[in-house]
C-alpha atoms as a PDB file:
ATOM      1  CA  UNK A   1     -22.873  19.212 -33.515  1.00  0.00           C
ATOM      2  CA  UNK A   2     -22.234  15.222 -34.037  1.00  0.00           C
ATOM      3  CA  UNK A   3     -19.183  15.675 -35.051  1.00  0.00           C
ATOM      4  CA  UNK A   4     -18.064  17.851 -32.209  1.00  0.00           C
ATOM      5  CA  UNK A   5     -19.342  15.900 -29.790  1.00  0.00           C
ATOM      6  CA  UNK A   6     -17.247  13.139 -31.248  1.00  0.00           C
ATOM      7  CA  UNK A   7     -14.201  15.083 -31.143  1.00  0.00           C
ATOM      8  CA  UNK A   8     -14.748  15.767 -27.310  1.00  0.00           C
ATOM      9  CA  UNK A   9     -15.184  11.913 -26.421  1.00  0.00           C
ATOM     10  CA  UNK A  10     -11.984  11.001 -28.362  1.00  0.00           C
ATOM     11  CA  UNK A  11     -10.346  13.915 -26.855  1.00  0.00           C
ATOM     12  CA  UNK A  12     -11.243  12.423 -23.094  1.00  0.00           C
ATOM     13  CA  UNK A  13     -10.367   9.022 -23.978  1.00  0.00           C
ATOM     14  CA  UNK A  14      -7.029  10.146 -25.138  1.00  0.00           C
ATOM     15  CA  UNK A  15      -6.336  12.442 -21.965  1.00  0.00           C
ATOM     16  CA  UNK A  16      -7.163   9.038 -19.713  1.00  0.00           C
ATOM     17  CA  UNK A  17      -5.176   6.861 -22.013  1.00  0.00           C
ATOM     18  CA  UNK A  18      -1.813   9.522 -21.586  1.00  0.00           C
ATOM     19  CA  UNK A  19      -2.524  10.268 -17.851  1.00  0.00           C
ATOM     20  CA  UNK A  20       0.119   8.797 -16.017  1.00  0.00           C
ATOM     21  CA  UNK A  21      -0.863   5.802 -13.294  1.00  0.00           C
ATOM     22  CA  UNK A  22      -1.404   5.916  -9.904  1.00  0.00           C
ATOM     23  CA  UNK A  23       1.601   5.381  -7.915  1.00  0.00           C
ATOM     24  CA  UNK A  24       0.959   4.283  -3.717  1.00  0.00           C
ATOM     25  CA  UNK A  25       3.423   3.512  -1.583  1.00  0.00           C
ATOM     26  CA  UNK A  26       2.959   1.156   1.660  1.00  0.00           C
ATOM     27  CA  UNK A  27       4.007   2.091   5.509  1.00  0.00           C
ATOM     28  CA  UNK A  28       3.251  -1.558   7.064  1.00  0.00           C
ATOM     29  CA  UNK A  29       5.315  -4.565   8.918  1.00  0.00           C
ATOM     30  CA  UNK A  30       5.640  -8.062   8.448  1.00  0.00           C
ATOM     31  CA  UNK A  31       2.369  -8.339   6.815  1.00  0.00           C
ATOM     32  CA  UNK A  32       3.516  -6.671   4.117  1.00  0.00           C
ATOM     33  CA  UNK A  33       7.353  -7.029   4.140  1.00  0.00           C
ATOM     34  CA  UNK A  34       8.447  -9.085   1.820  1.00  0.00           C
ATOM     35  CA  UNK A  35      12.350 -10.627   0.968  1.00  0.00           C
ATOM     36  CA  UNK A  36      13.594  -7.948  -1.900  1.00  0.00           C
ATOM     37  CA  UNK A  37      10.359  -5.654  -1.788  1.00  0.00           C
ATOM     38  CA  UNK A  38      11.425  -3.319   1.163  1.00  0.00           C
ATOM     39  CA  UNK A  39      12.647   0.092   0.579  1.00  0.00           C
ATOM     40  CA  UNK A  40      15.208   0.963   2.189  1.00  0.00           C
ATOM     41  CA  UNK A  41      16.167  -2.443   1.370  1.00  0.00           C
ATOM     42  CA  UNK A  42      17.966  -2.573   5.068  1.00  0.00           C
ATOM     43  CA  UNK A  43      14.309  -2.822   6.489  1.00  0.00           C
ATOM     44  CA  UNK A  44      13.639  -6.241   8.310  1.00  0.00           C
ATOM     45  CA  UNK A  45      11.123  -8.606   6.194  1.00  0.00           C
ATOM     46  CA  UNK A  46       9.245 -11.115   7.602  1.00  0.00           C
ATOM     47  CA  UNK A  47      10.885 -14.630   7.190  1.00  0.00           C
ATOM     48  CA  UNK A  48       8.518 -17.082   7.860  1.00  0.00           C
ATOM     49  CA  UNK A  49       6.834 -16.406   4.299  1.00  0.00           C
ATOM     50  CA  UNK A  50       8.581 -18.986   2.138  1.00  0.00           C
ATOM     51  CA  UNK A  51       6.594 -22.029   5.176  1.00  0.00           C
ATOM     52  CA  UNK A  52       3.458 -20.771   5.291  1.00  0.00           C
ATOM     53  CA  UNK A  53       3.441 -20.733   1.443  1.00  0.00           C
ATOM     54  CA  UNK A  54       4.196 -17.300  -0.109  1.00  0.00           C
ATOM     55  CA  UNK A  55       7.052 -17.626  -2.489  1.00  0.00           C
ATOM     56  CA  UNK A  56       7.074 -14.300  -4.964  1.00  0.00           C
ATOM     57  CA  UNK A  57       6.423 -10.733  -4.422  1.00  0.00           C
ATOM     58  CA  UNK A  58       2.847 -11.343  -6.925  1.00  0.00           C
ATOM     59  CA  UNK A  59       1.057 -13.216  -3.790  1.00  0.00           C
ATOM     60  CA  UNK A  60       1.708 -10.043  -1.214  1.00  0.00           C
ATOM     61  CA  UNK A  61      -1.736  -8.256  -1.295  1.00  0.00           C
ATOM     62  CA  UNK A  62      -0.024  -4.928  -2.680  1.00  0.00           C
ATOM     63  CA  UNK A  63       1.432  -6.447  -5.692  1.00  0.00           C
ATOM     64  CA  UNK A  64      -2.019  -8.007  -6.387  1.00  0.00           C
ATOM     65  CA  UNK A  65      -3.996  -4.541  -5.859  1.00  0.00           C
ATOM     66  CA  UNK A  66      -1.723  -2.864  -8.055  1.00  0.00           C
ATOM     67  CA  UNK A  67      -2.219  -5.165 -10.653  1.00  0.00           C
ATOM     68  CA  UNK A  68      -5.978  -4.858 -10.554  1.00  0.00           C
ATOM     69  CA  UNK A  69      -6.117  -1.313 -10.088  1.00  0.00           C
ATOM     70  CA  UNK A  70      -3.312  -1.002 -12.786  1.00  0.00           C
ATOM     71  CA  UNK A  71      -1.181   1.279 -10.597  1.00  0.00           C
ATOM     72  CA  UNK A  72       2.409   1.616  -9.766  1.00  0.00           C
ATOM     73  CA  UNK A  73       4.344   0.880  -6.289  1.00  0.00           C
ATOM     74  CA  UNK A  74       6.146   3.821  -5.187  1.00  0.00           C
ATOM     75  CA  UNK A  75       7.725   2.783  -2.351  1.00  0.00           C
ATOM     76  CA  UNK A  76       6.710  -0.083   0.115  1.00  0.00           C
ATOM     77  CA  UNK A  77       8.340   0.907   3.224  1.00  0.00           C
ATOM     78  CA  UNK A  78       6.941  -1.888   5.923  1.00  0.00           C
ATOM     79  CA  UNK A  79       9.486  -3.211   8.533  1.00  0.00           C
ATOM     80  CA  UNK A  80       8.938  -6.621  10.090  1.00  0.00           C
ATOM     81  CA  UNK A  81       7.830  -6.319  13.868  1.00  0.00           C
ATOM     82  CA  UNK A  82       7.636  -2.879  13.657  1.00  0.00           C
ATOM     83  CA  UNK A  83       4.780  -0.775  15.498  1.00  0.00           C
ATOM     84  CA  UNK A  84       2.861   2.545  15.084  1.00  0.00           C
ATOM     85  CA  UNK A  85       4.193   4.132  19.049  1.00  0.00           C
ATOM     86  CA  UNK A  86       7.064   4.529  19.436  1.00  0.00           C
ATOM     87  CA  UNK A  87       7.214   2.512  22.848  1.00  0.00           C
ATOM     88  CA  UNK A  88      10.560   0.393  22.837  1.00  0.00           C
ATOM     89  CA  UNK A  89       8.968  -2.844  23.244  1.00  0.00           C
ATOM     90  CA  UNK A  90      12.610  -3.957  22.659  1.00  0.00           C
ATOM     91  CA  UNK A  91      15.461  -2.193  22.301  1.00  0.00           C
ATOM     92  CA  UNK A  92      15.568  -3.219  18.429  1.00  0.00           C
ATOM     93  CA  UNK A  93      12.033  -2.191  17.166  1.00  0.00           C
ATOM     94  CA  UNK A  94      12.187   1.159  19.287  1.00  0.00           C
ATOM     95  CA  UNK A  95      13.617   2.950  16.103  1.00  0.00           C
ATOM     96  CA  UNK A  96      11.917   1.575  13.231  1.00  0.00           C
ATOM     97  CA  UNK A  97       8.236   2.826  14.529  1.00  0.00           C
ATOM     98  CA  UNK A  98       5.642   3.960  11.840  1.00  0.00           C
ATOM     99  CA  UNK A  99       6.197   7.201  12.883  1.00  0.00           C
ATOM    100  CA  UNK A 100       9.727   7.230  12.733  1.00  0.00           C
ATOM    101  CA  UNK A 101       9.358   5.973   8.791  1.00  0.00           C
ATOM    102  CA  UNK A 102       6.889   8.274   7.644  1.00  0.00           C
ATOM    103  CA  UNK A 103       8.346  10.394   5.915  1.00  0.00           C
ATOM    104  CA  UNK A 104      10.401   8.195   3.513  1.00  0.00           C
ATOM    105  CA  UNK A 105       7.361   6.979   1.347  1.00  0.00           C
ATOM    106  CA  UNK A 106       8.421   8.685  -1.965  1.00  0.00           C
ATOM    107  CA  UNK A 107       6.431  10.684  -3.820  1.00  0.00           C
ATOM    108  CA  UNK A 108       2.857   8.757  -4.012  1.00  0.00           C
ATOM    109  CA  UNK A 109      -0.870   9.305  -4.969  1.00  0.00           C
ATOM    110  CA  UNK A 110      -2.022   6.833  -2.465  1.00  0.00           C
ATOM    111  CA  UNK A 111      -0.941   5.997   0.849  1.00  0.00           C
ATOM    112  CA  UNK A 112      -2.008   2.288   2.520  1.00  0.00           C
ATOM    113  CA  UNK A 113      -1.157   2.506   6.245  1.00  0.00           C
ATOM    114  CA  UNK A 114      -1.271  -1.231   7.472  1.00  0.00           C
ATOM    115  CA  UNK A 115      -0.199  -1.799  11.018  1.00  0.00           C
ATOM    116  CA  UNK A 116      -1.205  -1.896  14.505  1.00  0.00           C
ATOM    117  CA  UNK A 117      -1.235  -5.647  15.272  1.00  0.00           C
ATOM    118  CA  UNK A 118       2.552  -4.975  17.168  1.00  0.00           C
ATOM    119  CA  UNK A 119       1.087  -2.801  19.383  1.00  0.00           C
ATOM    120  CA  UNK A 120      -1.257  -5.334  20.435  1.00  0.00           C
ATOM    121  CA  UNK A 121       0.842  -7.681  20.782  1.00  0.00           C
ATOM    122  CA  UNK A 122       2.981  -5.975  22.916  1.00  0.00           C
ATOM    123  CA  UNK A 123       0.280  -4.448  25.123  1.00  0.00           C
ATOM    124  CA  UNK A 124       1.015  -1.049  24.176  1.00  0.00           C
ATOM    125  CA  UNK A 125      -1.193   1.418  26.321  1.00  0.00           C
ATOM    126  CA  UNK A 126      -3.677   2.829  24.358  1.00  0.00           C
ATOM    127  CA  UNK A 127      -3.432   6.359  25.852  1.00  0.00           C
ATOM    128  CA  UNK A 128      -5.763   9.635  25.544  1.00  0.00           C
ATOM    129  CA  UNK A 129      -6.965  10.899  22.247  1.00  0.00           C
ATOM    130  CA  UNK A 130      -4.424  13.614  21.808  1.00  0.00           C
ATOM    131  CA  UNK A 131      -4.697  15.532  18.678  1.00  0.00           C
ATOM    132  CA  UNK A 132      -2.259  18.373  19.131  1.00  0.00           C
ATOM    133  CA  UNK A 133       1.258  19.175  21.061  1.00  0.00           C
ATOM    134  CA  UNK A 134       2.051  15.783  21.866  1.00  0.00           C
ATOM    135  CA  UNK A 135       4.968  14.846  23.896  1.00  0.00           C
ATOM    136  CA  UNK A 136       7.382  11.489  23.657  1.00  0.00           C
ATOM    137  CA  UNK A 137       5.578   9.857  26.651  1.00  0.00           C
ATOM    138  CA  UNK A 138       2.078   9.957  24.879  1.00  0.00           C
ATOM    139  CA  UNK A 139       3.516   9.201  21.073  1.00  0.00           C
ATOM    140  CA  UNK A 140       4.410   5.901  23.362  1.00  0.00           C
ATOM    141  CA  UNK A 141       0.474   5.115  23.737  1.00  0.00           C
ATOM    142  CA  UNK A 142      -1.610   3.964  20.367  1.00  0.00           C
ATOM    143  CA  UNK A 143      -4.077   6.562  20.223  1.00  0.00           C
ATOM    144  CA  UNK A 144      -1.582   9.837  20.280  1.00  0.00           C
ATOM    145  CA  UNK A 145       1.115   8.002  17.994  1.00  0.00           C
ATOM    146  CA  UNK A 146      -1.642   7.309  15.254  1.00  0.00           C
ATOM    147  CA  UNK A 147      -3.128  10.697  15.726  1.00  0.00           C
ATOM    148  CA  UNK A 148       0.187  11.816  15.294  1.00  0.00           C
ATOM    149  CA  UNK A 149       0.846   9.359  12.156  1.00  0.00           C
ATOM    150  CA  UNK A 150      -2.105  10.582  10.388  1.00  0.00           C
ATOM    151  CA  UNK A 151      -1.599  14.284  10.983  1.00  0.00           C
ATOM    152  CA  UNK A 152       1.952  14.177   9.682  1.00  0.00           C
ATOM    153  CA  UNK A 153       1.630  12.376   6.904  1.00  0.00           C
ATOM    154  CA  UNK A 154      -1.513  14.799   5.965  1.00  0.00           C
ATOM    155  CA  UNK A 155       1.225  17.281   5.912  1.00  0.00           C
ATOM    156  CA  UNK A 156       3.828  15.632   4.108  1.00  0.00           C
ATOM    157  CA  UNK A 157       1.937  14.167   1.455  1.00  0.00           C
ATOM    158  CA  UNK A 158      -0.895  17.026   1.208  1.00  0.00           C
ATOM    159  CA  UNK A 159      -2.051  15.775  -2.145  1.00  0.00           C
ATOM    160  CA  UNK A 160      -2.032  11.523  -1.779  1.00  0.00           C
ATOM    161  CA  UNK A 161      -4.670   9.771  -0.326  1.00  0.00           C
ATOM    162  CA  UNK A 162      -4.461   8.129   2.763  1.00  0.00           C
ATOM    163  CA  UNK A 163      -6.216   4.324   3.766  1.00  0.00           C
ATOM    164  CA  UNK A 164      -5.689   2.332   6.610  1.00  0.00           C
ATOM    165  CA  UNK A 165      -5.836  -1.091   6.594  1.00  0.00           C
ATOM    166  CA  UNK A 166      -7.333  -1.969   9.726  1.00  0.00           C
ATOM    167  CA  UNK A 167      -7.306  -5.736  11.094  1.00  0.00           C
ATOM    168  CA  UNK A 168     -10.428  -6.276  13.007  1.00  0.00           C
ATOM    169  CA  UNK A 169      -8.954  -9.636  14.626  1.00  0.00           C
ATOM    170  CA  UNK A 170      -5.357  -9.049  15.159  1.00  0.00           C
ATOM    171  CA  UNK A 171      -3.257 -12.090  17.018  1.00  0.00           C
ATOM    172  CA  UNK A 172      -6.249 -14.671  16.589  1.00  0.00           C
ATOM    173  CA  UNK A 173      -6.718 -16.093  19.503  1.00  0.00           C
ATOM    174  CA  UNK A 174      -4.722 -14.342  21.165  1.00  0.00           C
ATOM    175  CA  UNK A 175      -6.518 -11.258  21.620  1.00  0.00           C
ATOM    176  CA  UNK A 176      -9.127 -10.813  24.301  1.00  0.00           C
ATOM    177  CA  UNK A 177     -12.810  -9.161  23.053  1.00  0.00           C
ATOM    178  CA  UNK A 178     -12.074  -5.790  24.716  1.00  0.00           C
ATOM    179  CA  UNK A 179      -8.684  -5.023  23.707  1.00  0.00           C
ATOM    180  CA  UNK A 180     -10.005  -5.947  19.545  1.00  0.00           C
ATOM    181  CA  UNK A 181     -12.755  -3.349  20.421  1.00  0.00           C
ATOM    182  CA  UNK A 182     -10.588  -0.608  21.757  1.00  0.00           C
ATOM    183  CA  UNK A 183      -8.335  -0.946  18.639  1.00  0.00           C
ATOM    184  CA  UNK A 184     -11.317  -0.600  16.402  1.00  0.00           C
ATOM    185  CA  UNK A 185     -13.103   1.794  18.160  1.00  0.00           C
ATOM    186  CA  UNK A 186      -9.773   4.249  18.247  1.00  0.00           C
ATOM    187  CA  UNK A 187      -8.650   3.368  14.660  1.00  0.00           C
ATOM    188  CA  UNK A 188     -12.414   4.575  13.402  1.00  0.00           C
ATOM    189  CA  UNK A 189     -12.525   7.815  15.640  1.00  0.00           C
ATOM    190  CA  UNK A 190      -9.499   8.496  14.853  1.00  0.00           C
ATOM    191  CA  UNK A 191      -9.158   8.042  11.306  1.00  0.00           C
ATOM    192  CA  UNK A 192     -12.968  10.228  10.659  1.00  0.00           C
ATOM    193  CA  UNK A 193     -11.057  12.837  12.938  1.00  0.00           C
ATOM    194  CA  UNK A 194      -8.410  13.683  10.057  1.00  0.00           C
ATOM    195  CA  UNK A 195     -10.531  12.214   7.002  1.00  0.00           C
ATOM    196  CA  UNK A 196      -8.638   9.347   6.443  1.00  0.00           C
ATOM    197  CA  UNK A 197     -10.538   6.568   5.122  1.00  0.00           C
ATOM    198  CA  UNK A 198     -10.546   3.188   7.113  1.00  0.00           C
ATOM    199  CA  UNK A 199     -10.609  -0.109   5.176  1.00  0.00           C
ATOM    200  CA  UNK A 200     -12.065  -2.963   8.064  1.00  0.00           C
ATOM    201  CA  UNK A 201     -10.138  -6.115   7.045  1.00  0.00           C
ATOM    202  CA  UNK A 202     -12.219  -9.637   7.983  1.00  0.00           C
ATOM    203  CA  UNK A 203     -12.307 -12.815   8.365  1.00  0.00           C
ATOM    204  CA  UNK A 204      -7.967 -12.943   6.925  1.00  0.00           C
ATOM    205  CA  UNK A 205      -6.523 -16.515   6.993  1.00  0.00           C
ATOM    206  CA  UNK A 206      -3.690 -16.627   9.070  1.00  0.00           C
ATOM    207  CA  UNK A 207      -0.362 -19.272   9.442  1.00  0.00           C
ATOM    208  CA  UNK A 208       1.638 -18.223  11.817  1.00  0.00           C
ATOM    209  CA  UNK A 209       0.607 -15.447  12.999  1.00  0.00           C
ATOM    210  CA  UNK A 210       0.121 -13.788   9.299  1.00  0.00           C
ATOM    211  CA  UNK A 211      -1.671 -13.882   6.415  1.00  0.00           C
ATOM    212  CA  UNK A 212      -0.835 -16.690   3.958  1.00  0.00           C
ATOM    213  CA  UNK A 213      -1.626 -17.014   0.439  1.00  0.00           C
ATOM    214  CA  UNK A 214      -5.484 -17.019   1.181  1.00  0.00           C
ATOM    215  CA  UNK A 215      -4.986 -14.167   3.247  1.00  0.00           C
ATOM    216  CA  UNK A 216      -3.221 -11.601   1.280  1.00  0.00           C
ATOM    217  CA  UNK A 217      -5.766 -12.479  -1.347  1.00  0.00           C
ATOM    218  CA  UNK A 218      -8.442 -11.185   0.695  1.00  0.00           C
ATOM    219  CA  UNK A 219      -6.880  -8.232   1.571  1.00  0.00           C
ATOM    220  CA  UNK A 220      -6.165  -6.888  -1.554  1.00  0.00           C
ATOM    221  CA  UNK A 221      -9.990  -8.379  -2.580  1.00  0.00           C
ATOM    222  CA  UNK A 222     -11.351  -6.184   0.519  1.00  0.00           C
ATOM    223  CA  UNK A 223      -8.766  -2.924  -0.476  1.00  0.00           C
ATOM    224  CA  UNK A 224     -10.291  -3.395  -4.418  1.00  0.00           C
ATOM    225  CA  UNK A 225     -13.983  -3.554  -2.794  1.00  0.00           C
ATOM    226  CA  UNK A 226     -14.187  -0.652  -1.186  1.00  0.00           C
ATOM    227  CA  UNK A 227     -11.984   1.672  -3.611  1.00  0.00           C
ATOM    228  CA  UNK A 228     -14.334   0.424  -6.137  1.00  0.00           C
ATOM    229  CA  UNK A 229     -17.476   1.200  -4.203  1.00  0.00           C
ATOM    230  CA  UNK A 230     -16.069   4.657  -3.852  1.00  0.00           C
ATOM    231  CA  UNK A 231     -16.180   5.272  -7.582  1.00  0.00           C
ATOM    232  CA  UNK A 232     -19.855   4.347  -7.960  1.00  0.00           C
END
């Protein structure tokens, strides 16, 4: 009996060792867009990272998550300046919204979505809570666009686990309390509707309105804390 137990334990260990690593993709904005790491490579990266002390991709939050979890980055489809909604905040950023890039994330097991700050920056209307039959006009507002994003990610990647990373204080010192409250409430309510995991990011250290070395590490640490607590 004891030999049978030991044999079974060895099989379980070997099975775990042979299991392919988790593949994850990132759908994001400038917080995740480092030079030479975006896919497609025509995406805009944020050119200010060297000025705030980030000179290597290993310092980016998603790279630290990959190292900590032993996961593989499938695709980093991040575009600096992009919004979740389709609002034409400018003639340039309009075509590169999250919902216009969401079908290009490869074949991931996990998807991290980190965005919304630019919707706040451009004062995109929050709009109503709409969960089906979206109009083009509605997709130019935040709540319907986020619901549309989640709905389609679930359809496009039915086996992937979704995590929305919510910065609780976007555009520090430029965002009023009511806007921050509406953002948090909107994301949590829509994430709950679609059973999407929502990771609240607190106290991010920023320079030039972007997470610096300390801020990137803080994002990675908070993501890993959430994932590890899920498994307990």
